Amino acid sequence: MPPAPVQKASRVPVVVAIVVSLLALGLAAAAFFKPQRDAAPAAPQYSDKQVADAKKNVCDAYTLAHRATTDAGTLSSEDPNQKFMISLNTRLAFSTAADHLLAAAIKYPEAPINVLDASRNLAFSYQRIVLAQTATASHDELEPLYADSDNAVAQVEKACG
């Protein structure tokens, strides 16, 4: 019997493997030599006028928020229904004031950091008061929150100068 014909191995898989290897090597080299970007973008630079205008706007937001919470907090009545409505109105004033302060801090990031931090701290303090009041916290639980709020108000007033 004659020997079986020998089939030559196909070179296609070898050629494909070499081409894929060369492509991978090329991509790796390109990635290695590609300039890297900074991890953090540079902080934006603001003009003195932009900073002053932003400070004024954040401080104006505080003035409006403080007026709303003060006016709402001074209302009183002996009528139980009116007392309930005043309570709701006070919570609404504090909640809205907190939202307004946070929105101003977001809208005017160019304001000085001490003004932004003080405004955010006051907003957080107002939110804690609303949550505690909504949870019908006792007078003993509310007093430290009110003291924190008073300190936060003093910080904002100092920062706004």
N, C-alpha and C. Protein backbone atom coordinates (compact mmCIF):
# COMPACT_ATOMS: atom_id res chain seq x y z
N MET A 1 0.80 -1.17 0.00
CA MET A 1 0.00 0.00 0.00
C MET A 1 0.86 1.26 0.00
N PRO A 2 0.45 2.16 -0.79
CA PRO A 2 1.26 3.37 -0.84
C PRO A 2 1.05 4.20 0.45
N PRO A 3 2.04 4.94 0.87
CA PRO A 3 1.88 5.76 2.07
C PRO A 3 0.82 6.84 1.86
N ALA A 4 0.14 7.18 2.97
CA ALA A 4 -0.91 8.19 2.90
C ALA A 4 -0.30 9.55 2.60
N PRO A 5 -0.96 10.29 1.75
CA PRO A 5 -0.40 11.60 1.44
C PRO A 5 -0.35 12.48 2.71
N VAL A 6 0.69 13.18 2.89
CA VAL A 6 0.88 14.06 4.05
C VAL A 6 0.32 15.44 3.71
N GLN A 7 -0.57 15.90 4.59
CA GLN A 7 -1.12 17.23 4.37
C GLN A 7 -0.24 18.25 5.06
N LYS A 8 0.01 19.29 4.39
CA LYS A 8 0.80 20.35 5.00
C LYS A 8 -0.11 21.16 5.94
N ALA A 9 0.46 21.54 7.09
CA ALA A 9 -0.30 22.33 8.05
C ALA A 9 -0.57 23.70 7.45
N SER A 10 -1.75 24.18 7.71
CA SER A 10 -2.15 25.49 7.19
C SER A 10 -1.39 26.58 7.94
N ARG A 11 -0.96 27.56 7.24
CA ARG A 11 -0.22 28.67 7.84
C ARG A 11 -1.15 29.82 8.24
N VAL A 12 -2.40 29.73 7.93
CA VAL A 12 -3.35 30.81 8.21
C VAL A 12 -3.43 31.11 9.72
N PRO A 13 -3.60 30.10 10.61
CA PRO A 13 -3.67 30.42 12.03
C PRO A 13 -2.40 31.10 12.55
N VAL A 14 -1.25 30.69 12.04
CA VAL A 14 0.00 31.29 12.48
C VAL A 14 0.07 32.74 12.03
N VAL A 15 -0.31 33.01 10.81
CA VAL A 15 -0.29 34.38 10.29
C VAL A 15 -1.27 35.25 11.07
N VAL A 16 -2.46 34.74 11.36
CA VAL A 16 -3.47 35.49 12.13
C VAL A 16 -2.93 35.79 13.52
N ALA A 17 -2.31 34.82 14.17
CA ALA A 17 -1.76 35.01 15.51
C ALA A 17 -0.68 36.08 15.49
N ILE A 18 0.17 36.08 14.48
CA ILE A 18 1.25 37.07 14.39
C ILE A 18 0.66 38.47 14.17
N VAL A 19 -0.34 38.58 13.30
CA VAL A 19 -0.96 39.88 13.04
C VAL A 19 -1.63 40.42 14.31
N VAL A 20 -2.36 39.56 15.03
CA VAL A 20 -3.03 39.98 16.26
C VAL A 20 -1.99 40.40 17.30
N SER A 21 -0.90 39.66 17.40
CA SER A 21 0.17 40.00 18.35
C SER A 21 0.78 41.36 18.01
N LEU A 22 1.02 41.60 16.75
CA LEU A 22 1.60 42.89 16.34
C LEU A 22 0.64 44.05 16.61
N LEU A 23 -0.65 43.82 16.36
CA LEU A 23 -1.64 44.86 16.68
C LEU A 23 -1.66 45.15 18.17
N ALA A 24 -1.66 44.12 18.99
CA ALA A 24 -1.68 44.30 20.45
C ALA A 24 -0.43 45.03 20.90
N LEU A 25 0.72 44.67 20.36
CA LEU A 25 1.97 45.34 20.70
C LEU A 25 1.92 46.81 20.29
N GLY A 26 1.37 47.09 19.13
CA GLY A 26 1.24 48.47 18.67
C GLY A 26 0.33 49.28 19.57
N LEU A 27 -0.81 48.72 19.96
CA LEU A 27 -1.73 49.44 20.87
C LEU A 27 -1.10 49.66 22.23
N ALA A 28 -0.39 48.68 22.74
CA ALA A 28 0.27 48.83 24.04
C ALA A 28 1.32 49.93 23.98
N ALA A 29 2.08 49.98 22.91
CA ALA A 29 3.10 51.03 22.76
C ALA A 29 2.45 52.40 22.66
N ALA A 30 1.36 52.49 21.92
CA ALA A 30 0.66 53.77 21.78
C ALA A 30 0.12 54.24 23.12
N ALA A 31 -0.44 53.32 23.88
CA ALA A 31 -0.97 53.68 25.20
C ALA A 31 0.14 54.10 26.15
N PHE A 32 1.29 53.44 26.04
CA PHE A 32 2.40 53.76 26.92
C PHE A 32 2.95 55.15 26.64
N PHE A 33 3.05 55.51 25.39
CA PHE A 33 3.65 56.79 25.03
C PHE A 33 2.64 57.94 24.94
N LYS A 34 1.37 57.63 25.10
CA LYS A 34 0.34 58.68 25.05
C LYS A 34 0.48 59.57 26.28
N PRO A 35 0.45 60.89 26.11
CA PRO A 35 0.57 61.78 27.27
C PRO A 35 -0.63 61.59 28.21
N GLN A 36 -0.33 61.55 29.51
CA GLN A 36 -1.39 61.37 30.49
C GLN A 36 -1.98 62.72 30.87
N ARG A 37 -3.24 62.68 31.19
CA ARG A 37 -3.92 63.89 31.65
C ARG A 37 -3.77 63.98 33.15
N ASP A 38 -3.86 65.21 33.65
CA ASP A 38 -3.80 65.40 35.10
C ASP A 38 -4.98 64.71 35.74
N ALA A 39 -4.76 64.15 36.92
CA ALA A 39 -5.82 63.44 37.63
C ALA A 39 -6.94 64.41 38.02
N ALA A 40 -6.58 65.58 38.45
CA ALA A 40 -7.58 66.57 38.87
C ALA A 40 -7.45 67.80 37.98
N PRO A 41 -8.58 68.31 37.52
CA PRO A 41 -8.50 69.52 36.70
C PRO A 41 -8.06 70.71 37.56
N ALA A 42 -7.47 71.66 36.93
CA ALA A 42 -7.03 72.85 37.65
C ALA A 42 -8.23 73.59 38.21
N ALA A 43 -8.04 74.15 39.38
CA ALA A 43 -9.12 74.92 40.01
C ALA A 43 -9.40 76.15 39.15
N PRO A 44 -10.69 76.46 38.96
CA PRO A 44 -11.01 77.63 38.15
C PRO A 44 -10.51 78.91 38.82
N GLN A 45 -10.11 79.84 38.02
CA GLN A 45 -9.64 81.13 38.50
C GLN A 45 -10.75 82.16 38.30
N TYR A 46 -11.06 82.90 39.34
CA TYR A 46 -12.12 83.90 39.27
C TYR A 46 -11.53 85.28 39.50
N SER A 47 -12.12 86.26 38.86
CA SER A 47 -11.69 87.64 39.06
C SER A 47 -12.19 88.12 40.43
N ASP A 48 -11.58 89.20 40.89
CA ASP A 48 -12.00 89.78 42.18
C ASP A 48 -13.47 90.20 42.13
N LYS A 49 -13.90 90.71 40.99
CA LYS A 49 -15.30 91.13 40.85
C LYS A 49 -16.24 89.92 40.93
N GLN A 50 -15.86 88.82 40.27
CA GLN A 50 -16.69 87.61 40.32
C GLN A 50 -16.80 87.10 41.76
N VAL A 51 -15.70 87.10 42.48
CA VAL A 51 -15.70 86.64 43.87
C VAL A 51 -16.57 87.56 44.72
N ALA A 52 -16.42 88.86 44.53
CA ALA A 52 -17.20 89.83 45.32
C ALA A 52 -18.70 89.70 45.01
N ASP A 53 -19.03 89.56 43.73
CA ASP A 53 -20.44 89.40 43.35
C ASP A 53 -21.02 88.11 43.91
N ALA A 54 -20.26 87.04 43.85
CA ALA A 54 -20.73 85.76 44.36
C ALA A 54 -20.93 85.83 45.88
N LYS A 55 -20.00 86.47 46.56
CA LYS A 55 -20.13 86.62 48.02
C LYS A 55 -21.40 87.40 48.34
N LYS A 56 -21.63 88.49 47.60
CA LYS A 56 -22.83 89.29 47.83
C LYS A 56 -24.09 88.45 47.61
N ASN A 57 -24.10 87.65 46.55
CA ASN A 57 -25.29 86.84 46.25
C ASN A 57 -25.53 85.76 47.32
N VAL A 58 -24.48 85.12 47.78
CA VAL A 58 -24.65 84.10 48.83
C VAL A 58 -25.09 84.78 50.13
N CYS A 59 -24.50 85.92 50.43
CA CYS A 59 -24.89 86.64 51.66
C CYS A 59 -26.33 87.18 51.56
N ASP A 60 -26.73 87.60 50.37
CA ASP A 60 -28.13 88.02 50.16
C ASP A 60 -29.08 86.84 50.36
N ALA A 61 -28.65 85.66 49.92
CA ALA A 61 -29.47 84.46 50.14
C ALA A 61 -29.62 84.20 51.64
N TYR A 62 -28.54 84.38 52.37
CA TYR A 62 -28.61 84.22 53.83
C TYR A 62 -29.57 85.24 54.44
N THR A 63 -29.48 86.50 54.01
CA THR A 63 -30.34 87.55 54.56
C THR A 63 -31.81 87.20 54.36
N LEU A 64 -32.15 86.74 53.18
CA LEU A 64 -33.53 86.36 52.89
C LEU A 64 -33.95 85.14 53.71
N ALA A 65 -33.08 84.15 53.80
CA ALA A 65 -33.38 82.94 54.57
C ALA A 65 -33.55 83.28 56.05
N HIS A 66 -32.67 84.13 56.55
CA HIS A 66 -32.76 84.51 57.97
C HIS A 66 -34.04 85.29 58.27
N ARG A 67 -34.39 86.16 57.35
CA ARG A 67 -35.64 86.93 57.53
C ARG A 67 -36.85 86.00 57.54
N ALA A 68 -36.86 85.03 56.64
CA ALA A 68 -37.99 84.09 56.57
C ALA A 68 -38.10 83.25 57.84
N THR A 69 -36.98 82.76 58.31
CA THR A 69 -37.04 81.91 59.52
C THR A 69 -37.36 82.75 60.75
N THR A 70 -36.84 83.95 60.81
CA THR A 70 -37.13 84.82 61.96
C THR A 70 -38.59 85.23 61.97
N ASP A 71 -39.11 85.64 60.82
CA ASP A 71 -40.52 86.04 60.75
C ASP A 71 -41.45 84.88 61.06
N ALA A 72 -41.15 83.72 60.54
CA ALA A 72 -41.99 82.55 60.80
C ALA A 72 -41.92 82.14 62.27
N GLY A 73 -40.75 82.30 62.87
CA GLY A 73 -40.57 81.89 64.26
C GLY A 73 -41.18 82.84 65.27
N THR A 74 -41.53 84.05 64.86
CA THR A 74 -42.11 85.01 65.81
C THR A 74 -43.63 84.96 65.85
N LEU A 75 -44.25 84.21 64.96
CA LEU A 75 -45.71 84.11 64.97
C LEU A 75 -46.17 83.27 66.16
N SER A 76 -47.32 83.66 66.72
CA SER A 76 -47.88 82.86 67.82
C SER A 76 -49.39 83.05 67.85
N SER A 77 -50.03 82.09 68.51
CA SER A 77 -51.48 82.14 68.65
C SER A 77 -51.87 81.19 69.77
N GLU A 78 -53.02 81.45 70.36
CA GLU A 78 -53.56 80.55 71.40
C GLU A 78 -54.51 79.52 70.80
N ASP A 79 -54.96 79.77 69.60
CA ASP A 79 -55.86 78.86 68.91
C ASP A 79 -55.08 77.60 68.50
N PRO A 80 -55.53 76.40 68.90
CA PRO A 80 -54.80 75.16 68.58
C PRO A 80 -54.62 74.96 67.07
N ASN A 81 -55.62 75.32 66.29
CA ASN A 81 -55.50 75.18 64.83
C ASN A 81 -54.43 76.13 64.28
N GLN A 82 -54.44 77.34 64.79
CA GLN A 82 -53.44 78.32 64.35
C GLN A 82 -52.03 77.89 64.79
N LYS A 83 -51.93 77.34 66.01
CA LYS A 83 -50.63 76.85 66.48
C LYS A 83 -50.08 75.78 65.54
N PHE A 84 -50.95 74.89 65.10
CA PHE A 84 -50.53 73.83 64.19
C PHE A 84 -50.06 74.43 62.86
N MET A 85 -50.82 75.37 62.33
CA MET A 85 -50.45 76.00 61.06
C MET A 85 -49.14 76.79 61.19
N ILE A 86 -48.97 77.46 62.32
CA ILE A 86 -47.72 78.20 62.55
C ILE A 86 -46.54 77.23 62.62
N SER A 87 -46.76 76.10 63.27
CA SER A 87 -45.72 75.08 63.36
C SER A 87 -45.31 74.59 61.97
N LEU A 88 -46.30 74.31 61.14
CA LEU A 88 -46.01 73.87 59.78
C LEU A 88 -45.30 74.96 58.97
N ASN A 89 -45.76 76.18 59.13
CA ASN A 89 -45.16 77.30 58.41
C ASN A 89 -43.70 77.50 58.83
N THR A 90 -43.43 77.32 60.11
CA THR A 90 -42.05 77.47 60.60
C THR A 90 -41.16 76.38 60.01
N ARG A 91 -41.65 75.16 59.99
CA ARG A 91 -40.86 74.07 59.40
C ARG A 91 -40.63 74.31 57.91
N LEU A 92 -41.65 74.78 57.24
CA LEU A 92 -41.52 75.09 55.82
C LEU A 92 -40.48 76.20 55.60
N ALA A 93 -40.50 77.20 56.46
CA ALA A 93 -39.54 78.31 56.34
C ALA A 93 -38.11 77.81 56.52
N PHE A 94 -37.90 76.98 57.53
CA PHE A 94 -36.55 76.45 57.77
C PHE A 94 -36.10 75.53 56.64
N SER A 95 -37.00 74.71 56.15
CA SER A 95 -36.66 73.79 55.07
C SER A 95 -36.35 74.56 53.78
N THR A 96 -37.16 75.54 53.46
CA THR A 96 -36.95 76.34 52.27
C THR A 96 -35.68 77.19 52.39
N ALA A 97 -35.44 77.70 53.58
CA ALA A 97 -34.22 78.49 53.81
C ALA A 97 -32.98 77.60 53.60
N ALA A 98 -33.02 76.38 54.09
CA ALA A 98 -31.89 75.46 53.90
C ALA A 98 -31.69 75.18 52.41
N ASP A 99 -32.77 74.92 51.70
CA ASP A 99 -32.67 74.67 50.26
C ASP A 99 -32.10 75.88 49.52
N HIS A 100 -32.55 77.06 49.91
CA HIS A 100 -32.10 78.29 49.25
C HIS A 100 -30.61 78.54 49.50
N LEU A 101 -30.16 78.30 50.72
CA LEU A 101 -28.74 78.47 51.04
C LEU A 101 -27.87 77.49 50.25
N LEU A 102 -28.32 76.24 50.18
CA LEU A 102 -27.56 75.24 49.42
C LEU A 102 -27.55 75.57 47.93
N ALA A 103 -28.68 76.02 47.41
CA ALA A 103 -28.75 76.39 46.00
C ALA A 103 -27.81 77.56 45.70
N ALA A 104 -27.75 78.53 46.59
CA ALA A 104 -26.86 79.68 46.39
C ALA A 104 -25.40 79.23 46.41
N ALA A 105 -25.07 78.32 47.31
CA ALA A 105 -23.69 77.82 47.38
C ALA A 105 -23.31 77.07 46.11
N ILE A 106 -24.27 76.37 45.51
CA ILE A 106 -24.01 75.65 44.27
C ILE A 106 -23.93 76.63 43.09
N LYS A 107 -24.80 77.61 43.08
CA LYS A 107 -24.86 78.54 41.95
C LYS A 107 -23.66 79.48 41.91
N TYR A 108 -23.10 79.78 43.08
CA TYR A 108 -22.00 80.74 43.16
C TYR A 108 -20.75 80.11 43.78
N PRO A 109 -20.15 79.12 43.10
CA PRO A 109 -18.98 78.45 43.68
C PRO A 109 -17.76 79.35 43.79
N GLU A 110 -17.80 80.50 43.12
CA GLU A 110 -16.67 81.41 43.17
C GLU A 110 -16.64 82.26 44.44
N ALA A 111 -17.67 82.14 45.28
CA ALA A 111 -17.69 82.86 46.55
C ALA A 111 -16.55 82.34 47.43
N PRO A 112 -16.08 83.15 48.36
CA PRO A 112 -15.01 82.69 49.26
C PRO A 112 -15.45 81.42 50.01
N ILE A 113 -14.50 80.55 50.23
CA ILE A 113 -14.80 79.25 50.82
C ILE A 113 -15.40 79.39 52.22
N ASN A 114 -14.96 80.39 52.98
CA ASN A 114 -15.53 80.54 54.33
C ASN A 114 -17.01 80.92 54.28
N VAL A 115 -17.40 81.67 53.27
CA VAL A 115 -18.82 82.04 53.10
C VAL A 115 -19.62 80.80 52.67
N LEU A 116 -19.08 80.05 51.73
CA LEU A 116 -19.77 78.84 51.28
C LEU A 116 -19.90 77.81 52.40
N ASP A 117 -18.82 77.59 53.13
CA ASP A 117 -18.87 76.61 54.23
C ASP A 117 -19.86 77.04 55.31
N ALA A 118 -19.84 78.31 55.66
CA ALA A 118 -20.75 78.80 56.69
C ALA A 118 -22.20 78.66 56.23
N SER A 119 -22.48 78.96 54.97
CA SER A 119 -23.84 78.82 54.44
C SER A 119 -24.29 77.37 54.44
N ARG A 120 -23.41 76.48 54.03
CA ARG A 120 -23.76 75.06 54.01
C ARG A 120 -23.96 74.52 55.43
N ASN A 121 -23.14 74.97 56.35
CA ASN A 121 -23.31 74.54 57.75
C ASN A 121 -24.66 75.00 58.31
N LEU A 122 -25.03 76.23 57.99
CA LEU A 122 -26.32 76.74 58.45
C LEU A 122 -27.46 75.96 57.81
N ALA A 123 -27.35 75.66 56.54
CA ALA A 123 -28.39 74.88 55.85
C ALA A 123 -28.52 73.51 56.51
N PHE A 124 -27.42 72.87 56.80
CA PHE A 124 -27.44 71.57 57.46
C PHE A 124 -28.10 71.67 58.83
N SER A 125 -27.79 72.73 59.54
CA SER A 125 -28.38 72.96 60.86
C SER A 125 -29.90 73.14 60.75
N TYR A 126 -30.34 73.92 59.78
CA TYR A 126 -31.77 74.10 59.56
C TYR A 126 -32.45 72.77 59.21
N GLN A 127 -31.81 71.97 58.38
CA GLN A 127 -32.40 70.67 58.02
C GLN A 127 -32.54 69.77 59.24
N ARG A 128 -31.55 69.77 60.10
CA ARG A 128 -31.62 68.95 61.31
C ARG A 128 -32.77 69.41 62.21
N ILE A 129 -32.97 70.70 62.30
CA ILE A 129 -34.07 71.23 63.12
C ILE A 129 -35.41 70.76 62.56
N VAL A 130 -35.58 70.89 61.25
CA VAL A 130 -36.85 70.47 60.62
C VAL A 130 -37.09 68.98 60.85
N LEU A 131 -36.07 68.19 60.67
CA LEU A 131 -36.24 66.75 60.87
C LEU A 131 -36.58 66.42 62.31
N ALA A 132 -35.92 67.08 63.24
CA ALA A 132 -36.21 66.83 64.66
C ALA A 132 -37.62 67.28 65.01
N GLN A 133 -38.02 68.44 64.51
CA GLN A 133 -39.38 68.92 64.79
C GLN A 133 -40.41 67.99 64.17
N THR A 134 -40.15 67.52 62.98
CA THR A 134 -41.08 66.61 62.32
C THR A 134 -41.18 65.29 63.07
N ALA A 135 -40.08 64.89 63.68
CA ALA A 135 -40.07 63.65 64.48
C ALA A 135 -40.57 63.90 65.90
N THR A 136 -41.15 65.07 66.12
CA THR A 136 -41.67 65.49 67.44
C THR A 136 -40.65 65.26 68.54
N ALA A 137 -39.45 65.79 68.32
CA ALA A 137 -38.38 65.71 69.31
C ALA A 137 -38.75 66.51 70.55
N SER A 138 -38.21 66.11 71.66
CA SER A 138 -38.48 66.81 72.92
C SER A 138 -37.71 68.13 72.95
N HIS A 139 -38.07 68.96 73.90
CA HIS A 139 -37.41 70.25 74.08
C HIS A 139 -35.92 70.03 74.34
N ASP A 140 -35.59 69.02 75.12
CA ASP A 140 -34.18 68.73 75.44
C ASP A 140 -33.40 68.30 74.18
N GLU A 141 -34.06 67.65 73.25
CA GLU A 141 -33.41 67.26 72.00
C GLU A 141 -33.25 68.45 71.05
N LEU A 142 -34.20 69.37 71.10
CA LEU A 142 -34.18 70.51 70.19
C LEU A 142 -33.21 71.61 70.63
N GLU A 143 -33.02 71.79 71.91
CA GLU A 143 -32.17 72.88 72.40
C GLU A 143 -30.77 72.87 71.81
N PRO A 144 -30.06 71.71 71.79
CA PRO A 144 -28.73 71.73 71.18
C PRO A 144 -28.77 72.06 69.67
N LEU A 145 -29.84 71.66 69.01
CA LEU A 145 -29.97 71.99 67.59
C LEU A 145 -30.15 73.48 67.39
N TYR A 146 -30.93 74.09 68.26
CA TYR A 146 -31.12 75.54 68.18
C TYR A 146 -29.80 76.27 68.48
N ALA A 147 -29.04 75.76 69.44
CA ALA A 147 -27.74 76.37 69.75
C ALA A 147 -26.79 76.24 68.57
N ASP A 148 -26.79 75.07 67.92
CA ASP A 148 -25.96 74.89 66.72
C ASP A 148 -26.38 75.86 65.63
N SER A 149 -27.67 76.06 65.50
CA SER A 149 -28.19 76.98 64.49
C SER A 149 -27.73 78.40 64.79
N ASP A 150 -27.80 78.80 66.06
CA ASP A 150 -27.34 80.14 66.44
C ASP A 150 -25.85 80.32 66.14
N ASN A 151 -25.06 79.27 66.42
CA ASN A 151 -23.62 79.35 66.10
C ASN A 151 -23.40 79.44 64.59
N ALA A 152 -24.17 78.69 63.84
CA ALA A 152 -24.05 78.72 62.37
C ALA A 152 -24.44 80.09 61.83
N VAL A 153 -25.47 80.70 62.41
CA VAL A 153 -25.87 82.05 62.00
C VAL A 153 -24.72 83.02 62.26
N ALA A 154 -24.09 82.90 63.42
CA ALA A 154 -22.97 83.79 63.76
C ALA A 154 -21.82 83.59 62.77
N GLN A 155 -21.57 82.35 62.35
CA GLN A 155 -20.51 82.08 61.39
C GLN A 155 -20.80 82.75 60.04
N VAL A 156 -22.05 82.65 59.61
CA VAL A 156 -22.41 83.27 58.32
C VAL A 156 -22.31 84.78 58.42
N GLU A 157 -22.80 85.34 59.50
CA GLU A 157 -22.73 86.80 59.65
C GLU A 157 -21.29 87.28 59.70
N LYS A 158 -20.43 86.51 60.35
CA LYS A 158 -19.01 86.87 60.40
C LYS A 158 -18.38 86.77 59.00
N ALA A 159 -18.72 85.69 58.28
CA ALA A 159 -18.15 85.49 56.94
C ALA A 159 -18.67 86.55 55.96
N CYS A 160 -19.90 86.94 56.13
CA CYS A 160 -20.48 87.94 55.22
C CYS A 160 -20.04 89.34 55.60
N GLY A 161 -19.67 89.51 56.86
CA GLY A 161 -19.11 90.79 57.34
C GLY A 161 -20.00 91.91 57.04
